[in-house]
PDB file of N, CA and C in Angstrom:
ATOM      1  N   UNK A   1     189.454  50.446 170.277  1.00  0.00           N
ATOM      2  CA  UNK A   1     189.079  49.102 170.429  1.00  0.00           C
ATOM      3  C   UNK A   1     188.671  49.154 171.908  1.00  0.00           C
ATOM      4  N   UNK A   2     187.563  48.265 172.069  1.00  0.00           N
ATOM      5  CA  UNK A   2     186.899  48.180 173.620  1.00  0.00           C
ATOM      6  C   UNK A   2     187.921  47.277 174.305  1.00  0.00           C
ATOM      7  N   UNK A   3     187.922  47.208 175.807  1.00  0.00           N
ATOM      8  CA  UNK A   3     188.672  46.397 176.689  1.00  0.00           C
ATOM      9  C   UNK A   3     188.417  44.947 176.306  1.00  0.00           C
ATOM     10  N   UNK A   4     186.919  44.736 176.267  1.00  0.00           N
ATOM     11  CA  UNK A   4     186.422  43.220 176.027  1.00  0.00           C
ATOM     12  C   UNK A   4     187.252  42.636 174.609  1.00  0.00           C
ATOM     13  N   UNK A   5     187.150  43.504 173.627  1.00  0.00           N
ATOM     14  CA  UNK A   5     187.900  42.671 172.290  1.00  0.00           C
ATOM     15  C   UNK A   5     189.431  42.873 172.562  1.00  0.00           C
ATOM     16  N   UNK A   6     190.013  43.919 173.396  1.00  0.00           N
ATOM     17  CA  UNK A   6     191.423  44.188 173.462  1.00  0.00           C
ATOM     18  C   UNK A   6     191.836  42.913 174.482  1.00  0.00           C
ATOM     19  N   UNK A   7     191.310  42.524 175.278  1.00  0.00           N
ATOM     20  CA  UNK A   7     191.749  41.321 176.177  1.00  0.00           C
ATOM     21  C   UNK A   7     191.774  39.971 175.628  1.00  0.00           C
ATOM     22  N   UNK A   8     190.847  40.153 174.415  1.00  0.00           N
ATOM     23  CA  UNK A   8     190.967  38.565 173.625  1.00  0.00           C
ATOM     24  C   UNK A   8     192.029  38.695 172.377  1.00  0.00           C
ATOM     25  N   UNK A   9     192.778  39.627 172.385  1.00  0.00           N
ATOM     26  CA  UNK A   9     193.692  39.751 171.385  1.00  0.00           C
ATOM     27  C   UNK A   9     195.029  39.818 172.058  1.00  0.00           C
ATOM     28  N   UNK A  10     195.737  39.225 171.320  1.00  0.00           N
ATOM     29  CA  UNK A  10     197.428  39.384 171.809  1.00  0.00           C
ATOM     30  C   UNK A  10     198.509  39.501 170.960  1.00  0.00           C
ATOM     31  N   UNK A  11     199.586  39.777 171.345  1.00  0.00           N
ATOM     32  CA  UNK A  11     200.619  40.274 170.245  1.00  0.00           C
ATOM     33  C   UNK A  11     201.347  38.913 169.730  1.00  0.00           C
ATOM     34  N   UNK A  12     201.465  38.858 168.536  1.00  0.00           N
ATOM     35  CA  UNK A  12     202.262  37.560 168.225  1.00  0.00           C
ATOM     36  C   UNK A  12     203.146  38.044 166.998  1.00  0.00           C
ATOM     37  N   UNK A  13     204.299  38.044 167.433  1.00  0.00           N
ATOM     38  CA  UNK A  13     205.498  38.666 166.430  1.00  0.00           C
ATOM     39  C   UNK A  13     205.060  39.954 165.800  1.00  0.00           C
ATOM     40  N   UNK A  14     204.390  40.723 166.378  1.00  0.00           N
ATOM     41  CA  UNK A  14     204.238  42.228 165.911  1.00  0.00           C
ATOM     42  C   UNK A  14     202.799  42.171 165.134  1.00  0.00           C
ATOM     43  N   UNK A  15     202.277  41.097 165.253  1.00  0.00           N
ATOM     44  CA  UNK A  15     200.848  41.004 164.461  1.00  0.00           C
ATOM     45  C   UNK A  15     199.843  40.668 165.933  1.00  0.00           C
ATOM     46  N   UNK A  16     198.846  41.264 165.713  1.00  0.00           N
ATOM     47  CA  UNK A  16     197.595  41.064 166.675  1.00  0.00           C
ATOM     48  C   UNK A  16     196.747  39.804 166.279  1.00  0.00           C
ATOM     49  N   UNK A  17     196.631  39.052 167.174  1.00  0.00           N
ATOM     50  CA  UNK A  17     196.126  37.735 167.114  1.00  0.00           C
ATOM     51  C   UNK A  17     194.657  37.349 168.017  1.00  0.00           C
ATOM     52  N   UNK A  18     193.838  36.732 167.804  1.00  0.00           N
ATOM     53  CA  UNK A  18     192.741  36.445 168.716  1.00  0.00           C
ATOM     54  C   UNK A  18     193.483  35.486 169.689  1.00  0.00           C
ATOM     55  N   UNK A  19     192.906  35.484 170.813  1.00  0.00           N
ATOM     56  CA  UNK A  19     193.319  34.731 171.949  1.00  0.00           C
ATOM     57  C   UNK A  19     192.816  33.598 171.855  1.00  0.00           C
ATOM     58  N   UNK A  20     193.185  32.328 171.657  1.00  0.00           N
ATOM     59  CA  UNK A  20     192.320  31.011 171.327  1.00  0.00           C
ATOM     60  C   UNK A  20     191.578  30.839 172.511  1.00  0.00           C
ATOM     61  N   UNK A  21     191.645  31.197 173.703  1.00  0.00           N
ATOM     62  CA  UNK A  21     190.727  31.051 174.696  1.00  0.00           C
ATOM     63  C   UNK A  21     189.288  31.509 174.770  1.00  0.00           C
ATOM     64  N   UNK A  22     189.082  32.376 173.733  1.00  0.00           N
ATOM     65  CA  UNK A  22     187.837  32.854 173.272  1.00  0.00           C
ATOM     66  C   UNK A  22     186.717  31.813 172.855  1.00  0.00           C
ATOM     67  N   UNK A  23     187.367  30.445 172.477  1.00  0.00           N
ATOM     68  CA  UNK A  23     186.575  29.583 172.049  1.00  0.00           C
ATOM     69  C   UNK A  23     185.958  28.888 173.126  1.00  0.00           C
ATOM     70  N   UNK A  24     186.426  28.991 174.372  1.00  0.00           N
ATOM     71  CA  UNK A  24     185.632  28.282 175.393  1.00  0.00           C
ATOM     72  C   UNK A  24     184.280  28.978 175.678  1.00  0.00           C
ATOM     73  N   UNK A  25     184.257  30.671 175.652  1.00  0.00           N
ATOM     74  CA  UNK A  25     183.301  31.535 175.566  1.00  0.00           C
ATOM     75  C   UNK A  25     182.383  31.026 174.681  1.00  0.00           C
ATOM     76  N   UNK A  26     182.763  31.125 173.241  1.00  0.00           N
ATOM     77  CA  UNK A  26     181.845  30.581 172.388  1.00  0.00           C
ATOM     78  C   UNK A  26     181.044  29.307 172.808  1.00  0.00           C
ATOM     79  N   UNK A  27     181.946  28.166 172.977  1.00  0.00           N
ATOM     80  CA  UNK A  27     181.376  26.934 173.331  1.00  0.00           C
ATOM     81  C   UNK A  27     180.340  26.941 174.386  1.00  0.00           C
ATOM     82  N   UNK A  28     180.474  27.922 175.305  1.00  0.00           N
ATOM     83  CA  UNK A  28     179.616  28.096 176.567  1.00  0.00           C
ATOM     84  C   UNK A  28     178.495  28.586 175.937  1.00  0.00           C
ATOM     85  N   UNK A  29     178.317  29.584 175.219  1.00  0.00           N
ATOM     86  CA  UNK A  29     177.298  30.139 174.530  1.00  0.00           C
ATOM     87  C   UNK A  29     176.332  29.045 173.671  1.00  0.00           C
ATOM     88  N   UNK A  30     177.246  28.448 172.714  1.00  0.00           N
ATOM     89  CA  UNK A  30     176.872  27.464 171.945  1.00  0.00           C
ATOM     90  C   UNK A  30     176.335  26.137 172.877  1.00  0.00           C
ATOM     91  N   UNK A  31     176.928  25.820 174.011  1.00  0.00           N
ATOM     92  CA  UNK A  31     176.025  24.950 174.865  1.00  0.00           C
ATOM     93  C   UNK A  31     174.902  24.988 175.412  1.00  0.00           C
ATOM     94  N   UNK A  32     174.793  26.436 175.798  1.00  0.00           N
ATOM     95  CA  UNK A  32     173.518  26.895 176.284  1.00  0.00           C
ATOM     96  C   UNK A  32     172.466  26.834 175.322  1.00  0.00           C
ATOM     97  N   UNK A  33     172.918  27.251 174.203  1.00  0.00           N
ATOM     98  CA  UNK A  33     171.804  27.360 172.972  1.00  0.00           C
ATOM     99  C   UNK A  33     171.349  25.908 172.761  1.00  0.00           C
ATOM    100  N   UNK A  34     172.475  24.959 172.726  1.00  0.00           N
ATOM    101  CA  UNK A  34     172.269  23.692 172.220  1.00  0.00           C
ATOM    102  C   UNK A  34     171.438  22.938 173.290  1.00  0.00           C
ATOM    103  N   UNK A  35     171.551  23.233 174.499  1.00  0.00           N
ATOM    104  CA  UNK A  35     170.629  22.597 175.669  1.00  0.00           C
ATOM    105  C   UNK A  35     169.219  23.008 175.579  1.00  0.00           C
ATOM    106  N   UNK A  36     169.267  24.475 175.238  1.00  0.00           N
ATOM    107  CA  UNK A  36     167.906  25.193 175.199  1.00  0.00           C
ATOM    108  C   UNK A  36     167.099  24.630 173.985  1.00  0.00           C
ATOM    109  N   UNK A  37     167.648  24.576 172.929  1.00  0.00           N
ATOM    110  CA  UNK A  37     167.002  24.242 171.648  1.00  0.00           C
ATOM    111  C   UNK A  37     166.703  22.784 171.835  1.00  0.00           C
ATOM    112  N   UNK A  38     167.515  21.989 172.266  1.00  0.00           N
ATOM    113  CA  UNK A  38     167.263  20.190 172.414  1.00  0.00           C
ATOM    114  C   UNK A  38     165.953  20.347 173.299  1.00  0.00           C
ATOM    115  N   UNK A  39     166.299  20.959 174.479  1.00  0.00           N
ATOM    116  CA  UNK A  39     164.938  20.918 175.505  1.00  0.00           C
ATOM    117  C   UNK A  39     163.438  21.235 174.909  1.00  0.00           C
ATOM    118  N   UNK A  40     163.995  22.142 173.849  1.00  0.00           N
ATOM    119  CA  UNK A  40     162.820  22.807 173.236  1.00  0.00           C
ATOM    120  C   UNK A  40     162.002  21.672 172.210  1.00  0.00           C
ATOM    121  N   UNK A  41     162.987  21.140 171.597  1.00  0.00           N
ATOM    122  CA  UNK A  41     162.559  20.089 170.613  1.00  0.00           C
ATOM    123  C   UNK A  41     162.003  19.148 171.109  1.00  0.00           C
ATOM    124  N   UNK A  42     162.566  18.479 172.411  1.00  0.00           N
ATOM    125  CA  UNK A  42     161.981  17.175 173.091  1.00  0.00           C
ATOM    126  C   UNK A  42     160.671  17.453 173.914  1.00  0.00           C
ATOM    127  N   UNK A  43     160.370  18.759 174.228  1.00  0.00           N
ATOM    128  CA  UNK A  43     159.369  19.044 174.839  1.00  0.00           C
ATOM    129  C   UNK A  43     158.238  19.840 174.590  1.00  0.00           C
ATOM    130  N   UNK A  44     158.502  20.754 173.611  1.00  0.00           N
ATOM    131  CA  UNK A  44     157.635  21.635 172.977  1.00  0.00           C
ATOM    132  C   UNK A  44     157.538  21.551 171.764  1.00  0.00           C
ATOM    133  N   UNK A  45     158.146  21.285 170.825  1.00  0.00           N
ATOM    134  CA  UNK A  45     158.022  21.475 169.512  1.00  0.00           C
ATOM    135  C   UNK A  45     157.258  20.338 168.945  1.00  0.00           C
ATOM    136  N   UNK A  46     156.286  20.524 168.370  1.00  0.00           N
ATOM    137  CA  UNK A  46     155.100  19.545 167.748  1.00  0.00           C
ATOM    138  C   UNK A  46     154.806  20.006 166.240  1.00  0.00           C
ATOM    139  N   UNK A  47     155.650  19.650 165.478  1.00  0.00           N
ATOM    140  CA  UNK A  47     155.214  20.079 163.868  1.00  0.00           C
ATOM    141  C   UNK A  47     154.116  19.196 163.564  1.00  0.00           C
ATOM    142  N   UNK A  48     153.529  19.619 162.416  1.00  0.00           N
ATOM    143  CA  UNK A  48     152.358  19.194 161.929  1.00  0.00           C
ATOM    144  C   UNK A  48     152.809  17.821 161.035  1.00  0.00           C
ATOM    145  N   UNK A  49     154.004  17.785 160.328  1.00  0.00           N
ATOM    146  CA  UNK A  49     154.513  16.604 159.839  1.00  0.00           C
ATOM    147  C   UNK A  49     155.690  16.183 160.935  1.00  0.00           C
ATOM    148  N   UNK A  50     155.383  14.935 161.405  1.00  0.00           N
ATOM    149  CA  UNK A  50     156.349  14.350 162.486  1.00  0.00           C
ATOM    150  C   UNK A  50     157.677  13.998 161.796  1.00  0.00           C
ATOM    151  N   UNK A  51     157.752  14.011 160.721  1.00  0.00           N
ATOM    152  CA  UNK A  51     159.371  13.759 160.116  1.00  0.00           C
ATOM    153  C   UNK A  51     160.287  14.867 160.460  1.00  0.00           C
ATOM    154  N   UNK A  52     159.800  16.318 160.532  1.00  0.00           N
ATOM    155  CA  UNK A  52     160.447  17.447 160.840  1.00  0.00           C
ATOM    156  C   UNK A  52     161.056  17.419 162.284  1.00  0.00           C
ATOM    157  N   UNK A  53     160.300  16.401 163.086  1.00  0.00           N
ATOM    158  CA  UNK A  53     161.060  16.253 164.582  1.00  0.00           C
ATOM    159  C   UNK A  53     162.254  15.675 164.669  1.00  0.00           C
ATOM    160  N   UNK A  54     162.566  14.751 163.571  1.00  0.00           N
ATOM    161  CA  UNK A  54     163.789  14.138 163.301  1.00  0.00           C
ATOM    162  C   UNK A  54     164.929  14.953 162.823  1.00  0.00           C
ATOM    163  N   UNK A  55     164.423  16.094 161.977  1.00  0.00           N
ATOM    164  CA  UNK A  55     165.351  16.957 161.383  1.00  0.00           C
ATOM    165  C   UNK A  55     165.778  17.832 162.566  1.00  0.00           C
ATOM    166  N   UNK A  56     164.885  18.222 163.670  1.00  0.00           N
ATOM    167  CA  UNK A  56     165.135  18.921 164.749  1.00  0.00           C
ATOM    168  C   UNK A  56     166.170  18.232 165.726  1.00  0.00           C
ATOM    169  N   UNK A  57     165.872  16.960 165.886  1.00  0.00           N
ATOM    170  CA  UNK A  57     166.815  15.867 166.434  1.00  0.00           C
ATOM    171  C   UNK A  57     168.611  16.023 165.903  1.00  0.00           C
ATOM    172  N   UNK A  58     168.211  15.972 164.743  1.00  0.00           N
ATOM    173  CA  UNK A  58     169.632  15.876 163.876  1.00  0.00           C
ATOM    174  C   UNK A  58     170.230  16.945 164.225  1.00  0.00           C
ATOM    175  N   UNK A  59     169.571  18.334 164.201  1.00  0.00           N
ATOM    176  CA  UNK A  59     170.333  19.745 164.340  1.00  0.00           C
ATOM    177  C   UNK A  59     170.886  19.708 165.753  1.00  0.00           C
ATOM    178  N   UNK A  60     169.786  19.046 166.535  1.00  0.00           N
ATOM    179  CA  UNK A  60     170.442  19.251 168.043  1.00  0.00           C
ATOM    180  C   UNK A  60     171.626  18.177 168.185  1.00  0.00           C
ATOM    181  N   UNK A  61     171.684  17.299 167.881  1.00  0.00           N
ATOM    182  CA  UNK A  61     172.829  16.266 168.069  1.00  0.00           C
ATOM    183  C   UNK A  61     173.968  16.865 167.535  1.00  0.00           C
ATOM    184  N   UNK A  62     173.848  17.403 166.281  1.00  0.00           N
ATOM    185  CA  UNK A  62     175.248  17.878 165.539  1.00  0.00           C
ATOM    186  C   UNK A  62     175.750  19.077 166.416  1.00  0.00           C
ATOM    187  N   UNK A  63     174.544  20.019 166.834  1.00  0.00           N
ATOM    188  CA  UNK A  63     174.857  21.176 167.376  1.00  0.00           C
ATOM    189  C   UNK A  63     175.808  20.648 168.883  1.00  0.00           C
ATOM    190  N   UNK A  64     175.166  19.852 169.611  1.00  0.00           N
ATOM    191  CA  UNK A  64     175.911  19.415 170.945  1.00  0.00           C
ATOM    192  C   UNK A  64     177.217  18.777 170.664  1.00  0.00           C
ATOM    193  N   UNK A  65     177.245  17.847 169.728  1.00  0.00           N
ATOM    194  CA  UNK A  65     178.261  17.383 169.653  1.00  0.00           C
ATOM    195  C   UNK A  65     179.807  18.208 169.222  1.00  0.00           C
ATOM    196  N   UNK A  66     179.414  19.060 168.254  1.00  0.00           N
ATOM    197  CA  UNK A  66     180.467  19.728 167.658  1.00  0.00           C
ATOM    198  C   UNK A  66     180.568  21.113 168.611  1.00  0.00           C
ATOM    199  N   UNK A  67     179.738  21.507 169.734  1.00  0.00           N
ATOM    200  CA  UNK A  67     180.189  22.387 170.668  1.00  0.00           C
ATOM    201  C   UNK A  67     181.041  21.570 171.741  1.00  0.00           C
ATOM    202  N   UNK A  68     180.607  20.298 172.000  1.00  0.00           N
ATOM    203  CA  UNK A  68     181.872  19.628 172.979  1.00  0.00           C
ATOM    204  C   UNK A  68     183.077  19.812 172.486  1.00  0.00           C
ATOM    205  N   UNK A  69     183.067  19.551 170.975  1.00  0.00           N
ATOM    206  CA  UNK A  69     184.669  19.597 170.419  1.00  0.00           C
ATOM    207  C   UNK A  69     184.900  21.162 170.392  1.00  0.00           C
ATOM    208  N   UNK A  70     184.058  22.052 170.260  1.00  0.00           N
ATOM    209  CA  UNK A  70     184.635  23.351 170.280  1.00  0.00           C
ATOM    210  C   UNK A  70     185.409  23.592 171.498  1.00  0.00           C
ATOM    211  N   UNK A  71     185.096  23.001 172.649  1.00  0.00           N
ATOM    212  CA  UNK A  71     185.671  23.205 174.017  1.00  0.00           C
ATOM    213  C   UNK A  71     187.382  22.972 174.000  1.00  0.00           C
ATOM    214  N   UNK A  72     187.528  22.223 172.910  1.00  0.00           N
ATOM    215  CA  UNK A  72     189.132  21.684 172.779  1.00  0.00           C
ATOM    216  C   UNK A  72     189.804  22.547 171.953  1.00  0.00           C
ATOM    217  N   UNK A  73     189.075  23.690 170.910  1.00  0.00           N
ATOM    218  CA  UNK A  73     189.846  24.457 170.292  1.00  0.00           C
ATOM    219  C   UNK A  73     191.127  25.037 170.681  1.00  0.00           C
ATOM    220  N   UNK A  74     191.136  25.521 171.916  1.00  0.00           N
ATOM    221  CA  UNK A  74     192.252  26.240 172.287  1.00  0.00           C
ATOM    222  C   UNK A  74     193.688  25.231 172.465  1.00  0.00           C
ATOM    223  N   UNK A  75     193.457  23.894 172.467  1.00  0.00           N
ATOM    224  CA  UNK A  75     194.587  23.266 172.604  1.00  0.00           C
ATOM    225  C   UNK A  75     194.835  22.499 171.380  1.00  0.00           C
ATOM    226  N   UNK A  76     194.453  22.932 170.219  1.00  0.00           N
ATOM    227  CA  UNK A  76     194.893  22.350 169.040  1.00  0.00           C
ATOM    228  C   UNK A  76     195.797  23.310 168.449  1.00  0.00           C
ATOM    229  N   UNK A  77     196.479  22.861 167.303  1.00  0.00           N
ATOM    230  CA  UNK A  77     197.649  23.596 166.632  1.00  0.00           C
ATOM    231  C   UNK A  77     196.957  24.936 165.846  1.00  0.00           C
ATOM    232  N   UNK A  78     196.061  24.938 165.477  1.00  0.00           N
ATOM    233  CA  UNK A  78     195.149  26.044 164.627  1.00  0.00           C
ATOM    234  C   UNK A  78     193.886  26.212 165.584  1.00  0.00           C
ATOM    235  N   UNK A  79     193.832  26.857 166.589  1.00  0.00           N
ATOM    236  CA  UNK A  79     192.779  27.097 167.296  1.00  0.00           C
ATOM    237  C   UNK A  79     191.601  28.026 166.551  1.00  0.00           C
ATOM    238  N   UNK A  80     191.992  28.838 166.065  1.00  0.00           N
ATOM    239  CA  UNK A  80     191.162  29.797 165.390  1.00  0.00           C
ATOM    240  C   UNK A  80     190.477  29.158 164.249  1.00  0.00           C
ATOM    241  N   UNK A  81     191.306  28.692 163.514  1.00  0.00           N
ATOM    242  CA  UNK A  81     190.557  28.004 162.210  1.00  0.00           C
ATOM    243  C   UNK A  81     189.648  26.550 162.771  1.00  0.00           C
ATOM    244  N   UNK A  82     190.266  26.030 163.507  1.00  0.00           N
ATOM    245  CA  UNK A  82     189.302  24.831 164.022  1.00  0.00           C
ATOM    246  C   UNK A  82     187.840  25.261 164.564  1.00  0.00           C
ATOM    247  N   UNK A  83     188.049  26.319 165.460  1.00  0.00           N
ATOM    248  CA  UNK A  83     187.192  26.880 166.102  1.00  0.00           C
ATOM    249  C   UNK A  83     186.171  27.489 165.239  1.00  0.00           C
ATOM    250  N   UNK A  84     186.458  28.353 164.134  1.00  0.00           N
ATOM    251  CA  UNK A  84     185.914  28.967 163.246  1.00  0.00           C
ATOM    252  C   UNK A  84     185.029  28.162 162.585  1.00  0.00           C
ATOM    253  N   UNK A  85     185.762  27.014 161.852  1.00  0.00           N
ATOM    254  CA  UNK A  85     185.006  26.249 161.065  1.00  0.00           C
ATOM    255  C   UNK A  85     183.974  25.497 161.943  1.00  0.00           C
ATOM    256  N   UNK A  86     184.357  24.980 163.093  1.00  0.00           N
ATOM    257  CA  UNK A  86     183.324  24.304 163.736  1.00  0.00           C
ATOM    258  C   UNK A  86     182.053  25.288 163.993  1.00  0.00           C
ATOM    259  N   UNK A  87     182.301  26.562 164.453  1.00  0.00           N
ATOM    260  CA  UNK A  87     181.357  27.537 164.498  1.00  0.00           C
ATOM    261  C   UNK A  87     180.411  27.721 163.469  1.00  0.00           C
ATOM    262  N   UNK A  88     181.175  27.885 162.389  1.00  0.00           N
ATOM    263  CA  UNK A  88     180.506  27.938 161.112  1.00  0.00           C
ATOM    264  C   UNK A  88     179.764  26.802 160.653  1.00  0.00           C
ATOM    265  N   UNK A  89     180.265  25.717 160.960  1.00  0.00           N
ATOM    266  CA  UNK A  89     179.207  24.514 160.653  1.00  0.00           C
ATOM    267  C   UNK A  89     178.043  24.427 161.447  1.00  0.00           C
ATOM    268  N   UNK A  90     178.266  24.835 162.880  1.00  0.00           N
ATOM    269  CA  UNK A  90     177.149  24.818 163.702  1.00  0.00           C
ATOM    270  C   UNK A  90     175.913  25.631 163.244  1.00  0.00           C
ATOM    271  N   UNK A  91     176.498  26.906 162.976  1.00  0.00           N
ATOM    272  CA  UNK A  91     175.465  27.940 162.388  1.00  0.00           C
ATOM    273  C   UNK A  91     174.712  27.444 161.066  1.00  0.00           C
ATOM    274  N   UNK A  92     175.756  27.157 160.345  1.00  0.00           N
ATOM    275  CA  UNK A  92     175.309  26.614 158.717  1.00  0.00           C
ATOM    276  C   UNK A  92     174.475  25.465 158.823  1.00  0.00           C
ATOM    277  N   UNK A  93     175.167  24.350 159.411  1.00  0.00           N
ATOM    278  CA  UNK A  93     174.238  22.994 159.414  1.00  0.00           C
ATOM    279  C   UNK A  93     173.291  22.994 160.308  1.00  0.00           C
ATOM    280  N   UNK A  94     173.434  22.916 161.707  1.00  0.00           N
ATOM    281  CA  UNK A  94     172.362  23.033 162.622  1.00  0.00           C
ATOM    282  C   UNK A  94     171.433  24.036 162.569  1.00  0.00           C
ATOM    283  N   UNK A  95     171.888  25.221 162.307  1.00  0.00           N
ATOM    284  CA  UNK A  95     170.955  26.652 162.010  1.00  0.00           C
ATOM    285  C   UNK A  95     170.043  26.281 161.005  1.00  0.00           C
ATOM    286  N   UNK A  96     170.402  25.673 160.030  1.00  0.00           N
ATOM    287  CA  UNK A  96     169.622  25.518 158.945  1.00  0.00           C
ATOM    288  C   UNK A  96     168.546  24.421 159.144  1.00  0.00           C
ATOM    289  N   UNK A  97     168.919  23.339 159.947  1.00  0.00           N
ATOM    290  CA  UNK A  97     168.137  22.253 160.270  1.00  0.00           C
ATOM    291  C   UNK A  97     167.136  22.494 161.177  1.00  0.00           C
ATOM    292  N   UNK A  98     167.413  23.412 162.139  1.00  0.00           N
ATOM    293  CA  UNK A  98     166.487  23.983 163.187  1.00  0.00           C
ATOM    294  C   UNK A  98     165.453  25.000 162.255  1.00  0.00           C
ATOM    295  N   UNK A  99     165.790  25.798 161.343  1.00  0.00           N
ATOM    296  CA  UNK A  99     164.776  26.566 160.363  1.00  0.00           C
ATOM    297  C   UNK A  99     163.954  25.549 159.624  1.00  0.00           C
ATOM    298  N   UNK A 100     164.617  24.582 158.947  1.00  0.00           N
ATOM    299  CA  UNK A 100     163.808  23.527 158.193  1.00  0.00           C
ATOM    300  C   UNK A 100     162.849  23.195 158.969  1.00  0.00           C
ATOM    301  N   UNK A 101     163.238  22.547 160.218  1.00  0.00           N
ATOM    302  CA  UNK A 101     162.230  21.827 160.886  1.00  0.00           C
ATOM    303  C   UNK A 101     160.862  22.883 161.504  1.00  0.00           C
ATOM    304  N   UNK A 102     161.217  24.121 161.841  1.00  0.00           N
ATOM    305  CA  UNK A 102     160.606  24.875 162.268  1.00  0.00           C
ATOM    306  C   UNK A 102     159.418  25.576 161.430  1.00  0.00           C
ATOM    307  N   UNK A 103     160.171  25.816 160.384  1.00  0.00           N
ATOM    308  CA  UNK A 103     159.031  26.120 159.271  1.00  0.00           C
ATOM    309  C   UNK A 103     158.452  25.179 158.522  1.00  0.00           C
ATOM    310  N   UNK A 104     158.754  23.774 158.579  1.00  0.00           N
ATOM    311  CA  UNK A 104     158.400  22.747 157.730  1.00  0.00           C
ATOM    312  C   UNK A 104     158.463  22.954 156.518  1.00  0.00           C
ATOM    313  N   UNK A 105     159.583  23.252 155.979  1.00  0.00           N
ATOM    314  CA  UNK A 105     159.983  23.906 154.572  1.00  0.00           C
ATOM    315  C   UNK A 105     161.275  23.274 154.364  1.00  0.00           C
ATOM    316  N   UNK A 106     161.703  22.460 153.459  1.00  0.00           N
ATOM    317  CA  UNK A 106     162.975  22.323 152.772  1.00  0.00           C
ATOM    318  C   UNK A 106     163.773  23.358 151.954  1.00  0.00           C
ATOM    319  N   UNK A 107     162.933  24.269 151.669  1.00  0.00           N
ATOM    320  CA  UNK A 107     163.449  25.250 150.853  1.00  0.00           C
ATOM    321  C   UNK A 107     164.573  26.059 151.694  1.00  0.00           C
ATOM    322  N   UNK A 108     164.542  25.984 152.817  1.00  0.00           N
ATOM    323  CA  UNK A 108     165.782  26.680 153.811  1.00  0.00           C
ATOM    324  C   UNK A 108     166.819  25.791 153.892  1.00  0.00           C
ATOM    325  N   UNK A 109     167.086  24.748 153.046  1.00  0.00           N
ATOM    326  CA  UNK A 109     168.234  23.656 153.424  1.00  0.00           C
ATOM    327  C   UNK A 109     169.312  24.123 152.504  1.00  0.00           C
ATOM    328  N   UNK A 110     169.396  25.008 151.929  1.00  0.00           N
ATOM    329  CA  UNK A 110     170.466  25.182 151.033  1.00  0.00           C
ATOM    330  C   UNK A 110     171.835  25.474 151.672  1.00  0.00           C
ATOM    331  N   UNK A 111     171.752  25.997 152.813  1.00  0.00           N
ATOM    332  CA  UNK A 111     173.190  25.807 153.708  1.00  0.00           C
ATOM    333  C   UNK A 111     173.743  24.929 154.246  1.00  0.00           C
ATOM    334  N   UNK A 112     172.820  24.031 154.444  1.00  0.00           N
ATOM    335  CA  UNK A 112     173.218  22.637 155.346  1.00  0.00           C
ATOM    336  C   UNK A 112     174.366  22.006 154.633  1.00  0.00           C
ATOM    337  N   UNK A 113     174.696  21.906 153.271  1.00  0.00           N
ATOM    338  CA  UNK A 113     175.968  21.237 152.693  1.00  0.00           C
ATOM    339  C   UNK A 113     176.925  21.968 153.413  1.00  0.00           C
ATOM    340  N   UNK A 114     177.069  23.614 153.159  1.00  0.00           N
ATOM    341  CA  UNK A 114     178.256  24.123 153.471  1.00  0.00           C
ATOM    342  C   UNK A 114     178.643  23.875 154.965  1.00  0.00           C
ATOM    343  N   UNK A 115     177.703  23.908 155.953  1.00  0.00           N
ATOM    344  CA  UNK A 115     177.949  23.586 157.241  1.00  0.00           C
ATOM    345  C   UNK A 115     178.494  22.229 157.649  1.00  0.00           C
ATOM    346  N   UNK A 116     177.917  21.083 156.739  1.00  0.00           N
ATOM    347  CA  UNK A 116     178.621  19.829 156.926  1.00  0.00           C
ATOM    348  C   UNK A 116     180.164  19.820 156.202  1.00  0.00           C
ATOM    349  N   UNK A 117     180.134  20.542 155.423  1.00  0.00           N
ATOM    350  CA  UNK A 117     181.879  20.720 154.703  1.00  0.00           C
ATOM    351  C   UNK A 117     182.574  21.465 155.724  1.00  0.00           C
ATOM    352  N   UNK A 118     182.021  22.484 156.544  1.00  0.00           N
ATOM    353  CA  UNK A 118     182.851  23.127 157.610  1.00  0.00           C
ATOM    354  C   UNK A 118     183.232  22.316 158.683  1.00  0.00           C
ATOM    355  N   UNK A 119     181.999  21.183 159.025  1.00  0.00           N
ATOM    356  CA  UNK A 119     182.502  20.240 159.939  1.00  0.00           C
ATOM    357  C   UNK A 119     183.719  19.516 159.431  1.00  0.00           C
ATOM    358  N   UNK A 120     183.522  18.980 158.431  1.00  0.00           N
ATOM    359  CA  UNK A 120     184.637  18.000 157.816  1.00  0.00           C
ATOM    360  C   UNK A 120     186.022  18.925 157.838  1.00  0.00           C
ATOM    361  N   UNK A 121     185.620  20.017 157.318  1.00  0.00           N
ATOM    362  CA  UNK A 121     187.235  21.022 157.059  1.00  0.00           C
ATOM    363  C   UNK A 121     187.649  20.996 158.797  1.00  0.00           C
ATOM    364  N   UNK A 122     186.970  21.146 159.701  1.00  0.00           N
ATOM    365  CA  UNK A 122     187.406  21.391 160.932  1.00  0.00           C
ATOM    366  C   UNK A 122     188.110  20.166 161.386  1.00  0.00           C
ATOM    367  N   UNK A 123     187.533  19.291 161.426  1.00  0.00           N
ATOM    368  CA  UNK A 123     188.174  17.942 161.664  1.00  0.00           C
ATOM    369  C   UNK A 123     189.480  17.602 160.786  1.00  0.00           C
ATOM    370  N   UNK A 124     189.470  18.043 159.740  1.00  0.00           N
ATOM    371  CA  UNK A 124     190.690  17.727 159.055  1.00  0.00           C
ATOM    372  C   UNK A 124     191.904  18.748 159.398  1.00  0.00           C
ATOM    373  N   UNK A 125     191.723  19.601 159.898  1.00  0.00           N
ATOM    374  CA  UNK A 125     192.973  20.530 160.507  1.00  0.00           C
ATOM    375  C   UNK A 125     193.317  20.062 161.824  1.00  0.00           C
ATOM    376  N   UNK A 126     192.956  18.934 162.384  1.00  0.00           N
ATOM    377  CA  UNK A 126     193.547  18.142 163.309  1.00  0.00           C
ATOM    378  C   UNK A 126     194.464  17.291 162.677  1.00  0.00           C
ATOM    379  N   UNK A 127     194.580  17.272 161.309  1.00  0.00           N
ATOM    380  CA  UNK A 127     195.549  16.159 160.618  1.00  0.00           C
ATOM    381  C   UNK A 127     196.940  17.030 160.871  1.00  0.00           C
ATOM    382  N   UNK A 128     196.966  18.202 160.709  1.00  0.00           N
ATOM    383  CA  UNK A 128     197.975  18.976 160.415  1.00  0.00           C
ATOM    384  C   UNK A 128     198.741  19.934 161.684  1.00  0.00           C
TER     385      UNK A 128
END
């Protein structure tokens, strides 16, 4: 196993587990992507159908908000579940919305509800 991967694993009662601080790095990458994609959407993206501009803005908003929440993952009771679900939600919901807007075709929207469910599930983990 590489040093990078090994440094993000820790021994937990004889089991190896992912270090929850990895979520700060995931949030950093996601934040850079959210800002880059948001900037692209605001200044460069010019869809033929203007309604797709709103789809891009929705993707950007959910991407950035849930990235901000991802920063707090290490401090939650179940950081890997919370962080994993938020990341899955960002990819499935925001990624799908970006694709729909970019392609101007709603046939790419099939994963969006799963992303929304992942967001809801992530927030629900904070109850336990």
